[in-house]
PDB file of N, CA and C in Angstrom:
ATOM      1  N   MET A   1      -5.889   2.268 -20.350  1.00  0.00           N
ATOM      2  CA  MET A   1      -6.220   1.862 -19.064  1.00  0.00           C
ATOM      3  C   MET A   1      -7.165   2.715 -18.137  1.00  0.00           C
ATOM      4  N   PRO A   2      -8.080   2.300 -17.468  1.00  0.00           N
ATOM      5  CA  PRO A   2      -9.055   3.144 -16.835  1.00  0.00           C
ATOM      6  C   PRO A   2      -8.427   4.058 -15.788  1.00  0.00           C
ATOM      7  N   SER A   3      -8.958   5.115 -15.523  1.00  0.00           N
ATOM      8  CA  SER A   3      -8.442   5.880 -14.447  1.00  0.00           C
ATOM      9  C   SER A   3      -9.488   5.769 -13.209  1.00  0.00           C
ATOM     10  N   PHE A   4      -9.119   5.950 -11.964  1.00  0.00           N
ATOM     11  CA  PHE A   4      -9.969   5.754 -10.772  1.00  0.00           C
ATOM     12  C   PHE A   4      -9.379   6.780  -9.902  1.00  0.00           C
ATOM     13  N   ARG A   5     -10.125   7.146  -8.803  1.00  0.00           N
ATOM     14  CA  ARG A   5      -9.785   8.049  -7.866  1.00  0.00           C
ATOM     15  C   ARG A   5     -10.434   7.601  -6.614  1.00  0.00           C
ATOM     16  N   VAL A   6      -9.551   7.741  -5.376  1.00  0.00           N
ATOM     17  CA  VAL A   6     -10.160   7.557  -4.092  1.00  0.00           C
ATOM     18  C   VAL A   6     -10.070   8.695  -3.372  1.00  0.00           C
ATOM     19  N   ILE A   7     -11.267   9.210  -2.795  1.00  0.00           N
ATOM     20  CA  ILE A   7     -11.469  10.523  -2.158  1.00  0.00           C
ATOM     21  C   ILE A   7     -11.807  10.170  -0.692  1.00  0.00           C
ATOM     22  N   ILE A   8     -10.845  10.681   0.223  1.00  0.00           N
ATOM     23  CA  ILE A   8     -10.793  10.290   1.622  1.00  0.00           C
ATOM     24  C   ILE A   8     -10.858  11.577   2.362  1.00  0.00           C
ATOM     25  N   PRO A   9     -11.870  11.861   3.178  1.00  0.00           N
ATOM     26  CA  PRO A   9     -12.153  12.869   4.202  1.00  0.00           C
ATOM     27  C   PRO A   9     -11.178  12.601   5.315  1.00  0.00           C
ATOM     28  N   VAL A  10     -10.286  13.560   5.549  1.00  0.00           N
ATOM     29  CA  VAL A  10      -9.199  13.481   6.538  1.00  0.00           C
ATOM     30  C   VAL A  10      -9.321  14.323   7.788  1.00  0.00           C
ATOM     31  N   GLY A  11      -9.446  13.907   8.977  1.00  0.00           N
ATOM     32  CA  GLY A  11      -9.847  14.516  10.026  1.00  0.00           C
ATOM     33  C   GLY A  11      -8.574  14.740  11.123  1.00  0.00           C
ATOM     34  N   ARG A  12      -8.745  14.576  12.393  1.00  0.00           N
ATOM     35  CA  ARG A  12      -7.699  14.636  13.279  1.00  0.00           C
ATOM     36  C   ARG A  12      -6.317  13.776  13.141  1.00  0.00           C
ATOM     37  N   LEU A  13      -5.146  14.387  13.084  1.00  0.00           N
ATOM     38  CA  LEU A  13      -4.019  13.795  12.866  1.00  0.00           C
ATOM     39  C   LEU A  13      -3.720  12.931  14.040  1.00  0.00           C
ATOM     40  N   ARG A  14      -3.109  11.773  13.990  1.00  0.00           N
ATOM     41  CA  ARG A  14      -2.743  10.948  15.123  1.00  0.00           C
ATOM     42  C   ARG A  14      -1.245  11.233  15.729  1.00  0.00           C
ATOM     43  N   GLY A  15      -1.072  11.480  17.123  1.00  0.00           N
ATOM     44  CA  GLY A  15       0.120  11.703  17.603  1.00  0.00           C
ATOM     45  C   GLY A  15       0.712  13.056  16.947  1.00  0.00           C
ATOM     46  N   ASP A  16       2.038  12.706  16.568  1.00  0.00           N
ATOM     47  CA  ASP A  16       2.884  13.999  16.285  1.00  0.00           C
ATOM     48  C   ASP A  16       2.993  13.992  14.559  1.00  0.00           C
ATOM     49  N   VAL A  17       1.970  13.387  13.987  1.00  0.00           N
ATOM     50  CA  VAL A  17       2.000  13.089  12.649  1.00  0.00           C
ATOM     51  C   VAL A  17       1.818  14.572  11.927  1.00  0.00           C
ATOM     52  N   PRO A  18       2.853  14.967  11.067  1.00  0.00           N
ATOM     53  CA  PRO A  18       2.626  16.282  10.406  1.00  0.00           C
ATOM     54  C   PRO A  18       1.725  16.190   9.193  1.00  0.00           C
ATOM     55  N   ALA A  19       0.876  17.375   9.126  1.00  0.00           N
ATOM     56  CA  ALA A  19       0.000  17.292   8.108  1.00  0.00           C
ATOM     57  C   ALA A  19       0.675  17.155   6.583  1.00  0.00           C
ATOM     58  N   THR A  20       1.828  17.641   6.485  1.00  0.00           N
ATOM     59  CA  THR A  20       2.359  17.473   5.251  1.00  0.00           C
ATOM     60  C   THR A  20       2.977  15.960   4.875  1.00  0.00           C
ATOM     61  N   SER A  21       2.589  15.034   5.608  1.00  0.00           N
ATOM     62  CA  SER A  21       3.050  13.570   5.432  1.00  0.00           C
ATOM     63  C   SER A  21       1.864  12.884   4.980  1.00  0.00           C
ATOM     64  N   ILE A  22       0.655  13.267   4.952  1.00  0.00           N
ATOM     65  CA  ILE A  22      -0.492  12.567   4.733  1.00  0.00           C
ATOM     66  C   ILE A  22      -0.515  12.282   3.262  1.00  0.00           C
ATOM     67  N   GLU A  23      -0.482  13.259   2.332  1.00  0.00           N
ATOM     68  CA  GLU A  23      -0.565  13.202   0.703  1.00  0.00           C
ATOM     69  C   GLU A  23       0.665  12.326   0.389  1.00  0.00           C
ATOM     70  N   PRO A  24       1.917  12.479   0.658  1.00  0.00           N
ATOM     71  CA  PRO A  24       2.916  11.508   0.224  1.00  0.00           C
ATOM     72  C   PRO A  24       2.774  10.166   0.709  1.00  0.00           C
ATOM     73  N   ALA A  25       2.293   9.864   1.741  1.00  0.00           N
ATOM     74  CA  ALA A  25       1.958   8.566   2.228  1.00  0.00           C
ATOM     75  C   ALA A  25       1.036   7.813   1.488  1.00  0.00           C
ATOM     76  N   ALA A  26      -0.082   8.649   1.137  1.00  0.00           N
ATOM     77  CA  ALA A  26      -1.201   8.017   0.378  1.00  0.00           C
ATOM     78  C   ALA A  26      -0.735   7.551  -1.056  1.00  0.00           C
ATOM     79  N   ALA A  27       0.073   8.599  -1.492  1.00  0.00           N
ATOM     80  CA  ALA A  27       0.648   8.369  -2.865  1.00  0.00           C
ATOM     81  C   ALA A  27       1.454   7.168  -2.966  1.00  0.00           C
ATOM     82  N   ALA A  28       2.383   7.009  -1.881  1.00  0.00           N
ATOM     83  CA  ALA A  28       3.331   5.873  -1.964  1.00  0.00           C
ATOM     84  C   ALA A  28       2.466   4.649  -1.742  1.00  0.00           C
ATOM     85  N   ALA A  29       1.534   4.507  -0.885  1.00  0.00           N
ATOM     86  CA  ALA A  29       0.608   3.443  -0.724  1.00  0.00           C
ATOM     87  C   ALA A  29       0.000   2.975  -2.120  1.00  0.00           C
ATOM     88  N   ALA A  30      -0.614   4.033  -2.959  1.00  0.00           N
ATOM     89  CA  ALA A  30      -1.299   3.754  -4.159  1.00  0.00           C
ATOM     90  C   ALA A  30       0.062   3.095  -5.243  1.00  0.00           C
ATOM     91  N   GLY A  31       1.047   3.861  -4.756  1.00  0.00           N
ATOM     92  CA  GLY A  31       2.154   3.476  -6.059  1.00  0.00           C
ATOM     93  C   GLY A  31       2.810   1.887  -5.760  1.00  0.00           C
ATOM     94  N   GLU A  32       2.405   1.380  -4.695  1.00  0.00           N
ATOM     95  CA  GLU A  32       2.805   0.194  -4.433  1.00  0.00           C
ATOM     96  C   GLU A  32       2.164  -1.012  -5.135  1.00  0.00           C
ATOM     97  N   LEU A  33       0.933  -0.524  -5.668  1.00  0.00           N
ATOM     98  CA  LEU A  33      -0.145  -1.271  -6.249  1.00  0.00           C
ATOM     99  C   LEU A  33      -0.565  -0.904  -7.782  1.00  0.00           C
ATOM    100  N   ALA A  34      -0.270   0.274  -8.120  1.00  0.00           N
ATOM    101  CA  ALA A  34      -0.832   0.919  -9.197  1.00  0.00           C
ATOM    102  C   ALA A  34       0.084   2.132  -9.673  1.00  0.00           C
ATOM    103  N   THR A  35      -0.165   2.644 -10.788  1.00  0.00           N
ATOM    104  CA  THR A  35       0.545   4.016 -11.237  1.00  0.00           C
ATOM    105  C   THR A  35      -0.271   4.977 -10.872  1.00  0.00           C
ATOM    106  N   VAL A  36       0.253   5.965 -10.017  1.00  0.00           N
ATOM    107  CA  VAL A  36      -0.431   7.120  -9.579  1.00  0.00           C
ATOM    108  C   VAL A  36      -0.409   8.278 -10.600  1.00  0.00           C
ATOM    109  N   GLU A  37      -1.402   8.875 -10.889  1.00  0.00           N
ATOM    110  CA  GLU A  37      -1.589   9.889 -12.006  1.00  0.00           C
ATOM    111  C   GLU A  37      -1.451  11.261 -11.246  1.00  0.00           C
ATOM    112  N   ALA A  38      -2.080  11.471 -10.215  1.00  0.00           N
ATOM    113  CA  ALA A  38      -2.067  12.764  -9.262  1.00  0.00           C
ATOM    114  C   ALA A  38      -2.570  12.494  -7.912  1.00  0.00           C
ATOM    115  N   THR A  39      -2.216  13.573  -7.303  1.00  0.00           N
ATOM    116  CA  THR A  39      -2.656  13.628  -5.857  1.00  0.00           C
ATOM    117  C   THR A  39      -3.200  14.989  -5.492  1.00  0.00           C
ATOM    118  N   SER A  40      -3.986  15.312  -4.663  1.00  0.00           N
ATOM    119  CA  SER A  40      -4.372  16.604  -4.091  1.00  0.00           C
ATOM    120  C   SER A  40      -5.118  16.584  -2.748  1.00  0.00           C
ATOM    121  N   VAL A  41      -4.970  17.696  -2.020  1.00  0.00           N
ATOM    122  CA  VAL A  41      -5.874  17.895  -0.763  1.00  0.00           C
ATOM    123  C   VAL A  41      -6.474  19.058  -0.998  1.00  0.00           C
ATOM    124  N   ASP A  42      -7.737  19.128  -0.698  1.00  0.00           N
ATOM    125  CA  ASP A  42      -8.753  20.045  -1.024  1.00  0.00           C
ATOM    126  C   ASP A  42      -9.482  20.389   0.201  1.00  0.00           C
ATOM    127  N   ILE A  43     -10.034  21.460   0.295  1.00  0.00           N
ATOM    128  CA  ILE A  43     -11.016  21.864   1.549  1.00  0.00           C
ATOM    129  C   ILE A  43     -12.326  21.951   0.796  1.00  0.00           C
ATOM    130  N   VAL A  44     -13.250  21.133   1.145  1.00  0.00           N
ATOM    131  CA  VAL A  44     -14.631  21.094   0.724  1.00  0.00           C
ATOM    132  C   VAL A  44     -15.683  21.184   1.779  1.00  0.00           C
ATOM    133  N   SER A  45     -16.360  22.281   1.990  1.00  0.00           N
ATOM    134  CA  SER A  45     -17.394  22.509   3.115  1.00  0.00           C
ATOM    135  C   SER A  45     -16.686  22.188   4.345  1.00  0.00           C
ATOM    136  N   ARG A  46     -15.495  23.137   4.635  1.00  0.00           N
ATOM    137  CA  ARG A  46     -14.553  23.057   5.890  1.00  0.00           C
ATOM    138  C   ARG A  46     -14.069  21.705   6.018  1.00  0.00           C
ATOM    139  N   GLU A  47     -14.085  20.702   5.069  1.00  0.00           N
ATOM    140  CA  GLU A  47     -13.446  19.463   5.424  1.00  0.00           C
ATOM    141  C   GLU A  47     -12.222  19.090   4.532  1.00  0.00           C
ATOM    142  N   ALA A  48     -11.217  18.763   5.190  1.00  0.00           N
ATOM    143  CA  ALA A  48      -9.870  18.119   4.243  1.00  0.00           C
ATOM    144  C   ALA A  48     -10.348  17.080   3.446  1.00  0.00           C
ATOM    145  N   ARG A  49     -10.028  17.069   2.196  1.00  0.00           N
ATOM    146  CA  ARG A  49     -10.450  15.769   1.446  1.00  0.00           C
ATOM    147  C   ARG A  49      -9.075  15.393   0.630  1.00  0.00           C
ATOM    148  N   LEU A  50      -8.620  14.426   0.756  1.00  0.00           N
ATOM    149  CA  LEU A  50      -7.389  13.674  -0.030  1.00  0.00           C
ATOM    150  C   LEU A  50      -8.083  13.018  -1.105  1.00  0.00           C
ATOM    151  N   THR A  51      -7.405  13.252  -2.344  1.00  0.00           N
ATOM    152  CA  THR A  51      -7.547  12.621  -3.567  1.00  0.00           C
ATOM    153  C   THR A  51      -6.429  11.947  -4.284  1.00  0.00           C
ATOM    154  N   VAL A  52      -6.582  10.685  -4.414  1.00  0.00           N
ATOM    155  CA  VAL A  52      -5.352   9.947  -5.121  1.00  0.00           C
ATOM    156  C   VAL A  52      -5.846   9.468  -6.304  1.00  0.00           C
ATOM    157  N   ARG A  53      -5.470   9.882  -7.584  1.00  0.00           N
ATOM    158  CA  ARG A  53      -5.919   9.347  -8.935  1.00  0.00           C
ATOM    159  C   ARG A  53      -4.809   8.301  -9.379  1.00  0.00           C
ATOM    160  N   PHE A  54      -5.331   7.184  -9.741  1.00  0.00           N
ATOM    161  CA  PHE A  54      -4.454   6.160 -10.135  1.00  0.00           C
ATOM    162  C   PHE A  54      -5.036   5.396 -11.339  1.00  0.00           C
ATOM    163  N   THR A  55      -4.222   4.498 -12.005  1.00  0.00           N
ATOM    164  CA  THR A  55      -4.810   3.640 -13.159  1.00  0.00           C
ATOM    165  C   THR A  55      -4.902   2.205 -12.492  1.00  0.00           C
ATOM    166  N   ALA A  56      -5.920   1.411 -13.108  1.00  0.00           N
ATOM    167  CA  ALA A  56      -5.897   0.005 -12.713  1.00  0.00           C
ATOM    168  C   ALA A  56      -6.706  -0.589 -13.763  1.00  0.00           C
ATOM    169  N   ASP A  57      -6.605  -2.056 -14.102  1.00  0.00           N
ATOM    170  CA  ASP A  57      -7.155  -2.653 -15.294  1.00  0.00           C
ATOM    171  C   ASP A  57      -8.738  -2.858 -14.991  1.00  0.00           C
ATOM    172  N   ARG A  58      -9.116  -3.092 -13.738  1.00  0.00           N
ATOM    173  CA  ARG A  58     -10.632  -3.283 -13.461  1.00  0.00           C
ATOM    174  C   ARG A  58     -10.919  -2.640 -12.119  1.00  0.00           C
ATOM    175  N   ALA A  59     -12.346  -2.479 -11.947  1.00  0.00           N
ATOM    176  CA  ALA A  59     -12.836  -1.771 -10.777  1.00  0.00           C
ATOM    177  C   ALA A  59     -12.444  -2.694  -9.562  1.00  0.00           C
ATOM    178  N   THR A  60     -12.419  -4.069  -9.690  1.00  0.00           N
ATOM    179  CA  THR A  60     -11.976  -4.947  -8.472  1.00  0.00           C
ATOM    180  C   THR A  60     -10.557  -4.646  -8.158  1.00  0.00           C
ATOM    181  N   ASP A  61      -9.751  -4.502  -9.140  1.00  0.00           N
ATOM    182  CA  ASP A  61      -8.361  -3.989  -8.876  1.00  0.00           C
ATOM    183  C   ASP A  61      -8.404  -2.555  -8.127  1.00  0.00           C
ATOM    184  N   ALA A  62      -8.966  -1.766  -8.655  1.00  0.00           N
ATOM    185  CA  ALA A  62      -8.985  -0.397  -8.203  1.00  0.00           C
ATOM    186  C   ALA A  62      -9.525  -0.363  -6.706  1.00  0.00           C
ATOM    187  N   LEU A  63     -10.547  -1.341  -6.571  1.00  0.00           N
ATOM    188  CA  LEU A  63     -10.772  -1.473  -5.037  1.00  0.00           C
ATOM    189  C   LEU A  63      -9.894  -1.732  -4.149  1.00  0.00           C
ATOM    190  N   ARG A  64      -9.149  -2.753  -4.461  1.00  0.00           N
ATOM    191  CA  ARG A  64      -7.815  -3.294  -3.688  1.00  0.00           C
ATOM    192  C   ARG A  64      -6.965  -2.125  -3.528  1.00  0.00           C
ATOM    193  N   VAL A  65      -6.563  -1.114  -4.371  1.00  0.00           N
ATOM    194  CA  VAL A  65      -5.738  -0.159  -4.363  1.00  0.00           C
ATOM    195  C   VAL A  65      -6.330   0.819  -3.227  1.00  0.00           C
ATOM    196  N   ALA A  66      -7.650   1.305  -3.487  1.00  0.00           N
ATOM    197  CA  ALA A  66      -8.203   2.147  -2.649  1.00  0.00           C
ATOM    198  C   ALA A  66      -8.329   1.896  -1.119  1.00  0.00           C
ATOM    199  N   GLU A  67      -8.586   0.544  -0.993  1.00  0.00           N
ATOM    200  CA  GLU A  67      -8.631   0.204   0.470  1.00  0.00           C
ATOM    201  C   GLU A  67      -7.162  -0.122   1.041  1.00  0.00           C
ATOM    202  N   HIS A  68      -6.080  -0.250   0.347  1.00  0.00           N
ATOM    203  CA  HIS A  68      -4.656  -0.159   0.936  1.00  0.00           C
ATOM    204  C   HIS A  68      -4.329   1.346   1.094  1.00  0.00           C
ATOM    205  N   VAL A  69      -4.813   2.305   0.056  1.00  0.00           N
ATOM    206  CA  VAL A  69      -4.533   3.711   0.486  1.00  0.00           C
ATOM    207  C   VAL A  69      -5.214   4.159   1.785  1.00  0.00           C
ATOM    208  N   VAL A  70      -6.436   3.676   1.749  1.00  0.00           N
ATOM    209  CA  VAL A  70      -7.122   4.295   3.111  1.00  0.00           C
ATOM    210  C   VAL A  70      -6.468   3.522   4.323  1.00  0.00           C
ATOM    211  N   ALA A  71      -6.124   2.350   4.229  1.00  0.00           N
ATOM    212  CA  ALA A  71      -5.472   1.852   5.485  1.00  0.00           C
ATOM    213  C   ALA A  71      -4.088   2.467   5.942  1.00  0.00           C
ATOM    214  N   ALA A  72      -3.509   2.994   4.791  1.00  0.00           N
ATOM    215  CA  ALA A  72      -2.249   3.882   5.099  1.00  0.00           C
ATOM    216  C   ALA A  72      -2.456   5.024   5.632  1.00  0.00           C
ATOM    217  N   VAL A  73      -3.548   5.846   5.274  1.00  0.00           N
ATOM    218  CA  VAL A  73      -3.878   7.052   5.858  1.00  0.00           C
ATOM    219  C   VAL A  73      -4.477   6.971   7.226  1.00  0.00           C
ATOM    220  N   GLN A  74      -5.313   5.822   7.454  1.00  0.00           N
ATOM    221  CA  GLN A  74      -5.821   5.588   8.882  1.00  0.00           C
ATOM    222  C   GLN A  74      -4.872   5.500   9.759  1.00  0.00           C
ATOM    223  N   LEU A  75      -3.581   4.966   9.476  1.00  0.00           N
ATOM    224  CA  LEU A  75      -2.321   4.886  10.438  1.00  0.00           C
ATOM    225  C   LEU A  75      -2.036   6.304  10.877  1.00  0.00           C
ATOM    226  N   LEU A  76      -2.156   7.523  10.003  1.00  0.00           N
ATOM    227  CA  LEU A  76      -1.638   8.656  10.240  1.00  0.00           C
ATOM    228  C   LEU A  76      -2.842   9.672  10.693  1.00  0.00           C
ATOM    229  N   ALA A  77      -4.229   9.525  10.413  1.00  0.00           N
ATOM    230  CA  ALA A  77      -5.100  10.269  10.678  1.00  0.00           C
ATOM    231  C   ALA A  77      -6.517   9.523  10.714  1.00  0.00           C
ATOM    232  N   GLU A  78      -7.490  10.322  11.431  1.00  0.00           N
ATOM    233  CA  GLU A  78      -8.856   9.880  11.385  1.00  0.00           C
ATOM    234  C   GLU A  78      -9.451  10.065   9.980  1.00  0.00           C
ATOM    235  N   THR A  79     -10.159   9.120   9.390  1.00  0.00           N
ATOM    236  CA  THR A  79     -10.758   9.301   8.343  1.00  0.00           C
ATOM    237  C   THR A  79     -12.231   9.191   8.335  1.00  0.00           C
ATOM    238  N   GLY A  80     -12.983   9.765   7.170  1.00  0.00           N
ATOM    239  CA  GLY A  80     -14.243   9.707   7.257  1.00  0.00           C
ATOM    240  C   GLY A  80     -14.843   8.576   6.197  1.00  0.00           C
ATOM    241  N   THR A  81     -15.779   8.648   5.654  1.00  0.00           N
ATOM    242  CA  THR A  81     -16.247   7.665   4.824  1.00  0.00           C
ATOM    243  C   THR A  81     -15.759   7.961   3.395  1.00  0.00           C
ATOM    244  N   TRP A  82     -15.020   7.274   2.879  1.00  0.00           N
ATOM    245  CA  TRP A  82     -14.273   7.320   1.577  1.00  0.00           C
ATOM    246  C   TRP A  82     -15.144   6.851   0.378  1.00  0.00           C
ATOM    247  N   ARG A  83     -14.729   7.052  -0.902  1.00  0.00           N
ATOM    248  CA  ARG A  83     -15.367   6.572  -2.027  1.00  0.00           C
ATOM    249  C   ARG A  83     -14.366   6.437  -3.390  1.00  0.00           C
ATOM    250  N   LEU A  84     -14.785   5.486  -4.104  1.00  0.00           N
ATOM    251  CA  LEU A  84     -13.964   5.204  -5.218  1.00  0.00           C
ATOM    252  C   LEU A  84     -14.754   5.557  -6.372  1.00  0.00           C
ATOM    253  N   THR A  85     -14.244   6.259  -7.305  1.00  0.00           N
ATOM    254  CA  THR A  85     -14.839   6.679  -8.541  1.00  0.00           C
ATOM    255  C   THR A  85     -13.946   6.402  -9.847  1.00  0.00           C
ATOM    256  N   GLU A  86     -14.705   6.095 -10.911  1.00  0.00           N
ATOM    257  CA  GLU A  86     -13.998   5.820 -12.197  1.00  0.00           C
ATOM    258  C   GLU A  86     -14.321   6.680 -13.121  1.00  0.00           C
ATOM    259  N   ARG A  87     -13.333   7.036 -14.103  1.00  0.00           N
ATOM    260  CA  ARG A  87     -13.597   8.110 -15.001  1.00  0.00           C
ATOM    261  C   ARG A  87     -13.929   7.304 -16.421  1.00  0.00           C
ATOM    262  N   VAL A  88     -15.229   7.615 -16.875  1.00  0.00           N
ATOM    263  CA  VAL A  88     -15.722   6.798 -18.075  1.00  0.00           C
ATOM    264  C   VAL A  88     -16.000   8.170 -18.885  1.00  0.00           C
ATOM    265  N   GLY A  89     -15.321   8.115 -20.169  1.00  0.00           N
ATOM    266  CA  GLY A  89     -15.706   9.484 -21.081  1.00  0.00           C
ATOM    267  C   GLY A  89     -15.206  10.511 -20.326  1.00  0.00           C
ATOM    268  N   GLY A  90     -16.088  11.414 -20.086  1.00  0.00           N
ATOM    269  CA  GLY A  90     -15.617  12.701 -19.429  1.00  0.00           C
ATOM    270  C   GLY A  90     -16.309  12.881 -18.005  1.00  0.00           C
ATOM    271  N   ARG A  91     -16.802  11.705 -17.660  1.00  0.00           N
ATOM    272  CA  ARG A  91     -17.465  11.769 -16.106  1.00  0.00           C
ATOM    273  C   ARG A  91     -16.926  10.706 -15.250  1.00  0.00           C
ATOM    274  N   TRP A  92     -17.122  10.970 -14.072  1.00  0.00           N
ATOM    275  CA  TRP A  92     -16.613  10.185 -12.873  1.00  0.00           C
ATOM    276  C   TRP A  92     -17.921   9.494 -12.418  1.00  0.00           C
ATOM    277  N   PHE A  93     -17.632   8.115 -12.238  1.00  0.00           N
ATOM    278  CA  PHE A  93     -18.830   7.282 -11.704  1.00  0.00           C
ATOM    279  C   PHE A  93     -18.539   6.561 -10.470  1.00  0.00           C
ATOM    280  N   ARG A  94     -19.271   6.547  -9.480  1.00  0.00           N
ATOM    281  CA  ARG A  94     -18.926   6.013  -8.137  1.00  0.00           C
ATOM    282  C   ARG A  94     -18.827   4.459  -8.432  1.00  0.00           C
ATOM    283  N   ARG A  95     -17.751   3.763  -7.764  1.00  0.00           N
ATOM    284  CA  ARG A  95     -17.689   2.353  -7.782  1.00  0.00           C
ATOM    285  C   ARG A  95     -17.572   1.701  -6.476  1.00  0.00           C
ATOM    286  N   ALA A  96     -17.388   2.607  -5.471  1.00  0.00           N
ATOM    287  CA  ALA A  96     -17.549   2.053  -4.035  1.00  0.00           C
ATOM    288  C   ALA A  96     -17.600   3.138  -3.011  1.00  0.00           C
TER     289      ALA A  96
END
């Protein structure tokens, strides 16, 4: 089954949302629709980026999962322009 990842820049947290709640909430949202392979939060160019890696049958299914994850994260924090990538062979290709 193909592996996908949604990468979401995360900005200011909403209200009293603890920073430690963002990654588990994103993983839970993805887990509602797909099998979650991994999650991480990285700092790239002084920007927090949340990555959720999951499996899906097709890119259209993966897009639905990605949109669901982004919506869940947006309830907790401001987000930037997200992207969806698919692993083909040893490389990641952008799908959205």
